[in-house]
């Protein structure tokens, strides 16, 4: 049976490419000559590895940040470490953009932006808890207690952000 060298999926006879990874299928995952060396192919095109990610959301976020900064990039690999025979997501940028890409990622990882991300997550959590409270009336008391804790955490994050800005 043909198999994907990236994600390890098996395919029926007649398939030639993985519909998820978009790489050529091989007869066996054990044969070294069948392995796909994506990094070598990428280096030939003067692209440099910016980072590797086991989570597709992280890779997509980095790609989104780079796109927003006007930095061309590509993502290769995928499925993360939870699937055997897979390579992690890898983000590559042209050698002319490496420094700008690193600065873009570093700026995103600043403390105030990270706490801002947490605040966004808390807002989504509050929305979901409110929705759940409407659906499960018997849990309203417990949900209200959690919502109060979320609000207290938001207030503490606001204080922290003010201190970080000073």
C-alpha atoms as a PDB file:
ATOM      1  CA  UNK A   1       0.000   0.000   0.000  1.00  0.00           C
ATOM      2  CA  UNK A   2       1.325   3.480  -0.763  1.00  0.00           C
ATOM      3  CA  UNK A   3       2.177   5.533   2.328  1.00  0.00           C
ATOM      4  CA  UNK A   4       2.877   9.196   3.025  1.00  0.00           C
ATOM      5  CA  UNK A   5       6.482   9.720   4.205  1.00  0.00           C
ATOM      6  CA  UNK A   6       5.383  12.837   6.112  1.00  0.00           C
ATOM      7  CA  UNK A   7       2.290  11.767   8.067  1.00  0.00           C
ATOM      8  CA  UNK A   8       2.449   7.976   7.706  1.00  0.00           C
ATOM      9  CA  UNK A   9      -1.066   7.652   6.268  1.00  0.00           C
ATOM     10  CA  UNK A  10      -1.818   4.615   4.124  1.00  0.00           C
ATOM     11  CA  UNK A  11      -3.588   4.951   0.769  1.00  0.00           C
ATOM     12  CA  UNK A  12      -5.312   2.588  -1.612  1.00  0.00           C
ATOM     13  CA  UNK A  13      -3.501   1.460  -4.738  1.00  0.00           C
ATOM     14  CA  UNK A  14      -3.541   4.075  -7.469  1.00  0.00           C
ATOM     15  CA  UNK A  15      -2.962   7.112  -5.236  1.00  0.00           C
ATOM     16  CA  UNK A  16       0.312   8.927  -5.883  1.00  0.00           C
ATOM     17  CA  UNK A  17       0.201  11.982  -3.564  1.00  0.00           C
ATOM     18  CA  UNK A  18      -0.909  12.569   0.036  1.00  0.00           C
ATOM     19  CA  UNK A  19      -4.013  14.756   0.005  1.00  0.00           C
ATOM     20  CA  UNK A  20      -2.996  16.326   3.341  1.00  0.00           C
ATOM     21  CA  UNK A  21       0.777  16.794   3.054  1.00  0.00           C
ATOM     22  CA  UNK A  22       0.935  17.168  -0.729  1.00  0.00           C
ATOM     23  CA  UNK A  23       4.020  14.962  -1.053  1.00  0.00           C
ATOM     24  CA  UNK A  24       4.634  11.908  -3.217  1.00  0.00           C
ATOM     25  CA  UNK A  25       3.655   8.596  -1.638  1.00  0.00           C
ATOM     26  CA  UNK A  26       6.226   5.836  -1.104  1.00  0.00           C
ATOM     27  CA  UNK A  27       5.967   2.056  -0.975  1.00  0.00           C
ATOM     28  CA  UNK A  28       7.461   1.780   2.522  1.00  0.00           C
ATOM     29  CA  UNK A  29       8.404   4.113   5.354  1.00  0.00           C
ATOM     30  CA  UNK A  30      11.429   1.980   6.200  1.00  0.00           C
ATOM     31  CA  UNK A  31      13.354   2.686   2.995  1.00  0.00           C
ATOM     32  CA  UNK A  32      15.827   5.593   3.452  1.00  0.00           C
ATOM     33  CA  UNK A  33      15.981   6.287  -0.286  1.00  0.00           C
ATOM     34  CA  UNK A  34      12.241   7.037  -0.227  1.00  0.00           C
ATOM     35  CA  UNK A  35      12.505   9.699   2.491  1.00  0.00           C
ATOM     36  CA  UNK A  36      11.729  13.239   1.481  1.00  0.00           C
ATOM     37  CA  UNK A  37      14.417  15.716   2.538  1.00  0.00           C
ATOM     38  CA  UNK A  38      12.416  18.928   2.457  1.00  0.00           C
ATOM     39  CA  UNK A  39      15.063  20.986   4.257  1.00  0.00           C
ATOM     40  CA  UNK A  40      17.636  20.161   1.591  1.00  0.00           C
ATOM     41  CA  UNK A  41      15.198  21.172  -1.133  1.00  0.00           C
ATOM     42  CA  UNK A  42      14.425  24.409   0.658  1.00  0.00           C
ATOM     43  CA  UNK A  43      18.101  25.317   1.224  1.00  0.00           C
ATOM     44  CA  UNK A  44      18.645  25.111  -2.521  1.00  0.00           C
ATOM     45  CA  UNK A  45      16.080  27.891  -2.880  1.00  0.00           C
ATOM     46  CA  UNK A  46      17.955  30.151  -0.371  1.00  0.00           C
ATOM     47  CA  UNK A  47      15.269  29.883   2.279  1.00  0.00           C
ATOM     48  CA  UNK A  48      16.196  29.709   5.947  1.00  0.00           C
ATOM     49  CA  UNK A  49      14.449  27.891   8.756  1.00  0.00           C
ATOM     50  CA  UNK A  50      12.865  30.433  11.091  1.00  0.00           C
ATOM     51  CA  UNK A  51      11.416  27.895  13.519  1.00  0.00           C
ATOM     52  CA  UNK A  52       9.738  24.529  14.043  1.00  0.00           C
ATOM     53  CA  UNK A  53       6.356  24.017  15.663  1.00  0.00           C
ATOM     54  CA  UNK A  54       4.494  20.896  16.801  1.00  0.00           C
ATOM     55  CA  UNK A  55       1.181  22.738  16.752  1.00  0.00           C
ATOM     56  CA  UNK A  56      -0.479  23.894  13.541  1.00  0.00           C
ATOM     57  CA  UNK A  57      -1.979  26.898  15.344  1.00  0.00           C
ATOM     58  CA  UNK A  58       1.500  28.154  16.265  1.00  0.00           C
ATOM     59  CA  UNK A  59       2.762  27.738  12.704  1.00  0.00           C
ATOM     60  CA  UNK A  60      -0.302  29.514  11.315  1.00  0.00           C
ATOM     61  CA  UNK A  61       0.081  32.351  13.821  1.00  0.00           C
ATOM     62  CA  UNK A  62       3.742  32.859  12.909  1.00  0.00           C
ATOM     63  CA  UNK A  63       2.876  32.804   9.216  1.00  0.00           C
ATOM     64  CA  UNK A  64       0.095  35.338   9.836  1.00  0.00           C
ATOM     65  CA  UNK A  65       2.478  37.651  11.714  1.00  0.00           C
ATOM     66  CA  UNK A  66       5.030  37.432   8.920  1.00  0.00           C
ATOM     67  CA  UNK A  67       2.391  38.087   6.257  1.00  0.00           C
ATOM     68  CA  UNK A  68       1.218  41.139   8.208  1.00  0.00           C
ATOM     69  CA  UNK A  69       4.793  42.447   8.271  1.00  0.00           C
ATOM     70  CA  UNK A  70       5.175  41.888   4.523  1.00  0.00           C
ATOM     71  CA  UNK A  71       7.699  39.066   5.007  1.00  0.00           C
ATOM     72  CA  UNK A  72       7.284  36.218   2.518  1.00  0.00           C
ATOM     73  CA  UNK A  73       7.333  32.790   4.160  1.00  0.00           C
ATOM     74  CA  UNK A  74       6.343  29.184   3.639  1.00  0.00           C
ATOM     75  CA  UNK A  75       5.235  26.431   6.015  1.00  0.00           C
ATOM     76  CA  UNK A  76       6.241  22.835   5.378  1.00  0.00           C
ATOM     77  CA  UNK A  77       5.753  19.570   7.233  1.00  0.00           C
ATOM     78  CA  UNK A  78       2.942  19.086   9.614  1.00  0.00           C
ATOM     79  CA  UNK A  79       0.779  17.052  11.924  1.00  0.00           C
ATOM     80  CA  UNK A  80       3.062  17.660  14.890  1.00  0.00           C
ATOM     81  CA  UNK A  81       4.601  15.149  17.236  1.00  0.00           C
ATOM     82  CA  UNK A  82       1.326  13.372  18.069  1.00  0.00           C
ATOM     83  CA  UNK A  83       1.378  11.503  14.725  1.00  0.00           C
ATOM     84  CA  UNK A  84       4.182   9.018  14.088  1.00  0.00           C
ATOM     85  CA  UNK A  85       6.584   9.412  11.175  1.00  0.00           C
ATOM     86  CA  UNK A  86       5.863  13.133  10.895  1.00  0.00           C
ATOM     87  CA  UNK A  87       8.067  16.133  10.794  1.00  0.00           C
ATOM     88  CA  UNK A  88       6.994  19.214  12.739  1.00  0.00           C
ATOM     89  CA  UNK A  89       5.672  22.286  10.993  1.00  0.00           C
ATOM     90  CA  UNK A  90       8.621  24.356   9.761  1.00  0.00           C
ATOM     91  CA  UNK A  91       8.457  28.008   8.830  1.00  0.00           C
ATOM     92  CA  UNK A  92      10.984  29.227   6.276  1.00  0.00           C
ATOM     93  CA  UNK A  93      11.812  32.760   5.128  1.00  0.00           C
ATOM     94  CA  UNK A  94      14.028  34.097   2.364  1.00  0.00           C
ATOM     95  CA  UNK A  95      17.572  34.828   3.507  1.00  0.00           C
ATOM     96  CA  UNK A  96      17.003  38.556   2.894  1.00  0.00           C
ATOM     97  CA  UNK A  97      14.169  38.605   5.474  1.00  0.00           C
ATOM     98  CA  UNK A  98      15.626  36.505   8.319  1.00  0.00           C
ATOM     99  CA  UNK A  99      16.453  39.435  10.607  1.00  0.00           C
ATOM    100  CA  UNK A 100      13.129  41.191   9.994  1.00  0.00           C
ATOM    101  CA  UNK A 101      11.263  37.937  10.613  1.00  0.00           C
ATOM    102  CA  UNK A 102      13.083  37.344  13.898  1.00  0.00           C
ATOM    103  CA  UNK A 103      12.308  40.910  15.019  1.00  0.00           C
ATOM    104  CA  UNK A 104       8.645  40.462  14.087  1.00  0.00           C
ATOM    105  CA  UNK A 105       8.353  37.292  16.155  1.00  0.00           C
ATOM    106  CA  UNK A 106      10.279  38.841  19.076  1.00  0.00           C
ATOM    107  CA  UNK A 107       7.971  41.874  19.060  1.00  0.00           C
ATOM    108  CA  UNK A 108       4.945  39.591  19.173  1.00  0.00           C
ATOM    109  CA  UNK A 109       6.382  37.734  22.159  1.00  0.00           C
ATOM    110  CA  UNK A 110       6.813  40.881  24.272  1.00  0.00           C
ATOM    111  CA  UNK A 111       5.200  40.613  27.739  1.00  0.00           C
ATOM    112  CA  UNK A 112       2.403  43.112  27.074  1.00  0.00           C
ATOM    113  CA  UNK A 113       1.401  41.298  23.912  1.00  0.00           C
ATOM    114  CA  UNK A 114       1.457  37.954  25.697  1.00  0.00           C
ATOM    115  CA  UNK A 115      -0.779  39.252  28.455  1.00  0.00           C
ATOM    116  CA  UNK A 116      -2.996  40.705  25.749  1.00  0.00           C
ATOM    117  CA  UNK A 117      -3.320  37.221  24.269  1.00  0.00           C
ATOM    118  CA  UNK A 118      -4.321  35.877  27.674  1.00  0.00           C
ATOM    119  CA  UNK A 119      -6.901  38.653  27.992  1.00  0.00           C
ATOM    120  CA  UNK A 120      -8.329  37.613  24.616  1.00  0.00           C
ATOM    121  CA  UNK A 121      -8.479  34.004  25.772  1.00  0.00           C
ATOM    122  CA  UNK A 122     -10.257  35.090  28.953  1.00  0.00           C
ATOM    123  CA  UNK A 123     -12.817  37.033  26.923  1.00  0.00           C
ATOM    124  CA  UNK A 124     -13.488  33.936  24.794  1.00  0.00           C
ATOM    125  CA  UNK A 125     -13.746  31.835  27.959  1.00  0.00           C
ATOM    126  CA  UNK A 126     -16.289  34.256  29.428  1.00  0.00           C
ATOM    127  CA  UNK A 127     -18.342  34.115  26.247  1.00  0.00           C
ATOM    128  CA  UNK A 128     -18.330  30.314  26.269  1.00  0.00           C
ATOM    129  CA  UNK A 129     -19.198  30.140  29.958  1.00  0.00           C
ATOM    130  CA  UNK A 130     -22.136  32.513  29.436  1.00  0.00           C
ATOM    131  CA  UNK A 131     -23.344  30.348  26.548  1.00  0.00           C
ATOM    132  CA  UNK A 132     -22.972  27.234  28.670  1.00  0.00           C
ATOM    133  CA  UNK A 133     -24.917  28.912  31.508  1.00  0.00           C
ATOM    134  CA  UNK A 134     -27.833  29.505  29.145  1.00  0.00           C
ATOM    135  CA  UNK A 135     -27.788  25.866  28.053  1.00  0.00           C
ATOM    136  CA  UNK A 136     -27.196  24.269  31.463  1.00  0.00           C
ATOM    137  CA  UNK A 137     -29.254  26.204  33.989  1.00  0.00           C
ATOM    138  CA  UNK A 138     -28.333  23.809  36.795  1.00  0.00           C
ATOM    139  CA  UNK A 139     -24.688  24.990  36.532  1.00  0.00           C
ATOM    140  CA  UNK A 140     -25.359  28.731  36.648  1.00  0.00           C
ATOM    141  CA  UNK A 141     -24.066  29.129  40.223  1.00  0.00           C
ATOM    142  CA  UNK A 142     -20.778  27.375  39.499  1.00  0.00           C
ATOM    143  CA  UNK A 143     -20.381  29.204  36.193  1.00  0.00           C
ATOM    144  CA  UNK A 144     -20.946  32.568  37.894  1.00  0.00           C
ATOM    145  CA  UNK A 145     -18.215  31.713  40.395  1.00  0.00           C
ATOM    146  CA  UNK A 146     -15.784  30.940  37.574  1.00  0.00           C
ATOM    147  CA  UNK A 147     -16.791  34.129  35.743  1.00  0.00           C
ATOM    148  CA  UNK A 148     -15.983  36.152  38.874  1.00  0.00           C
ATOM    149  CA  UNK A 149     -12.540  34.544  39.007  1.00  0.00           C
ATOM    150  CA  UNK A 150     -12.014  35.328  35.322  1.00  0.00           C
ATOM    151  CA  UNK A 151     -12.921  38.971  35.972  1.00  0.00           C
ATOM    152  CA  UNK A 152     -10.467  39.140  38.877  1.00  0.00           C
ATOM    153  CA  UNK A 153      -7.750  37.713  36.658  1.00  0.00           C
ATOM    154  CA  UNK A 154      -8.525  40.320  33.980  1.00  0.00           C
ATOM    155  CA  UNK A 155      -8.142  43.069  36.565  1.00  0.00           C
ATOM    156  CA  UNK A 156      -4.787  41.647  37.704  1.00  0.00           C
ATOM    157  CA  UNK A 157      -3.580  41.422  34.105  1.00  0.00           C
ATOM    158  CA  UNK A 158      -4.563  45.050  33.585  1.00  0.00           C
ATOM    159  CA  UNK A 159      -2.454  46.067  36.592  1.00  0.00           C
ATOM    160  CA  UNK A 160       0.451  43.979  35.292  1.00  0.00           C
ATOM    161  CA  UNK A 161       0.217  45.583  31.846  1.00  0.00           C
ATOM    162  CA  UNK A 162       0.339  49.060  33.400  1.00  0.00           C
ATOM    163  CA  UNK A 163       3.449  48.067  35.389  1.00  0.00           C
ATOM    164  CA  UNK A 164       5.107  46.603  32.302  1.00  0.00           C
ATOM    165  CA  UNK A 165       4.528  49.846  30.391  1.00  0.00           C
ATOM    166  CA  UNK A 166       6.300  51.924  33.073  1.00  0.00           C
END
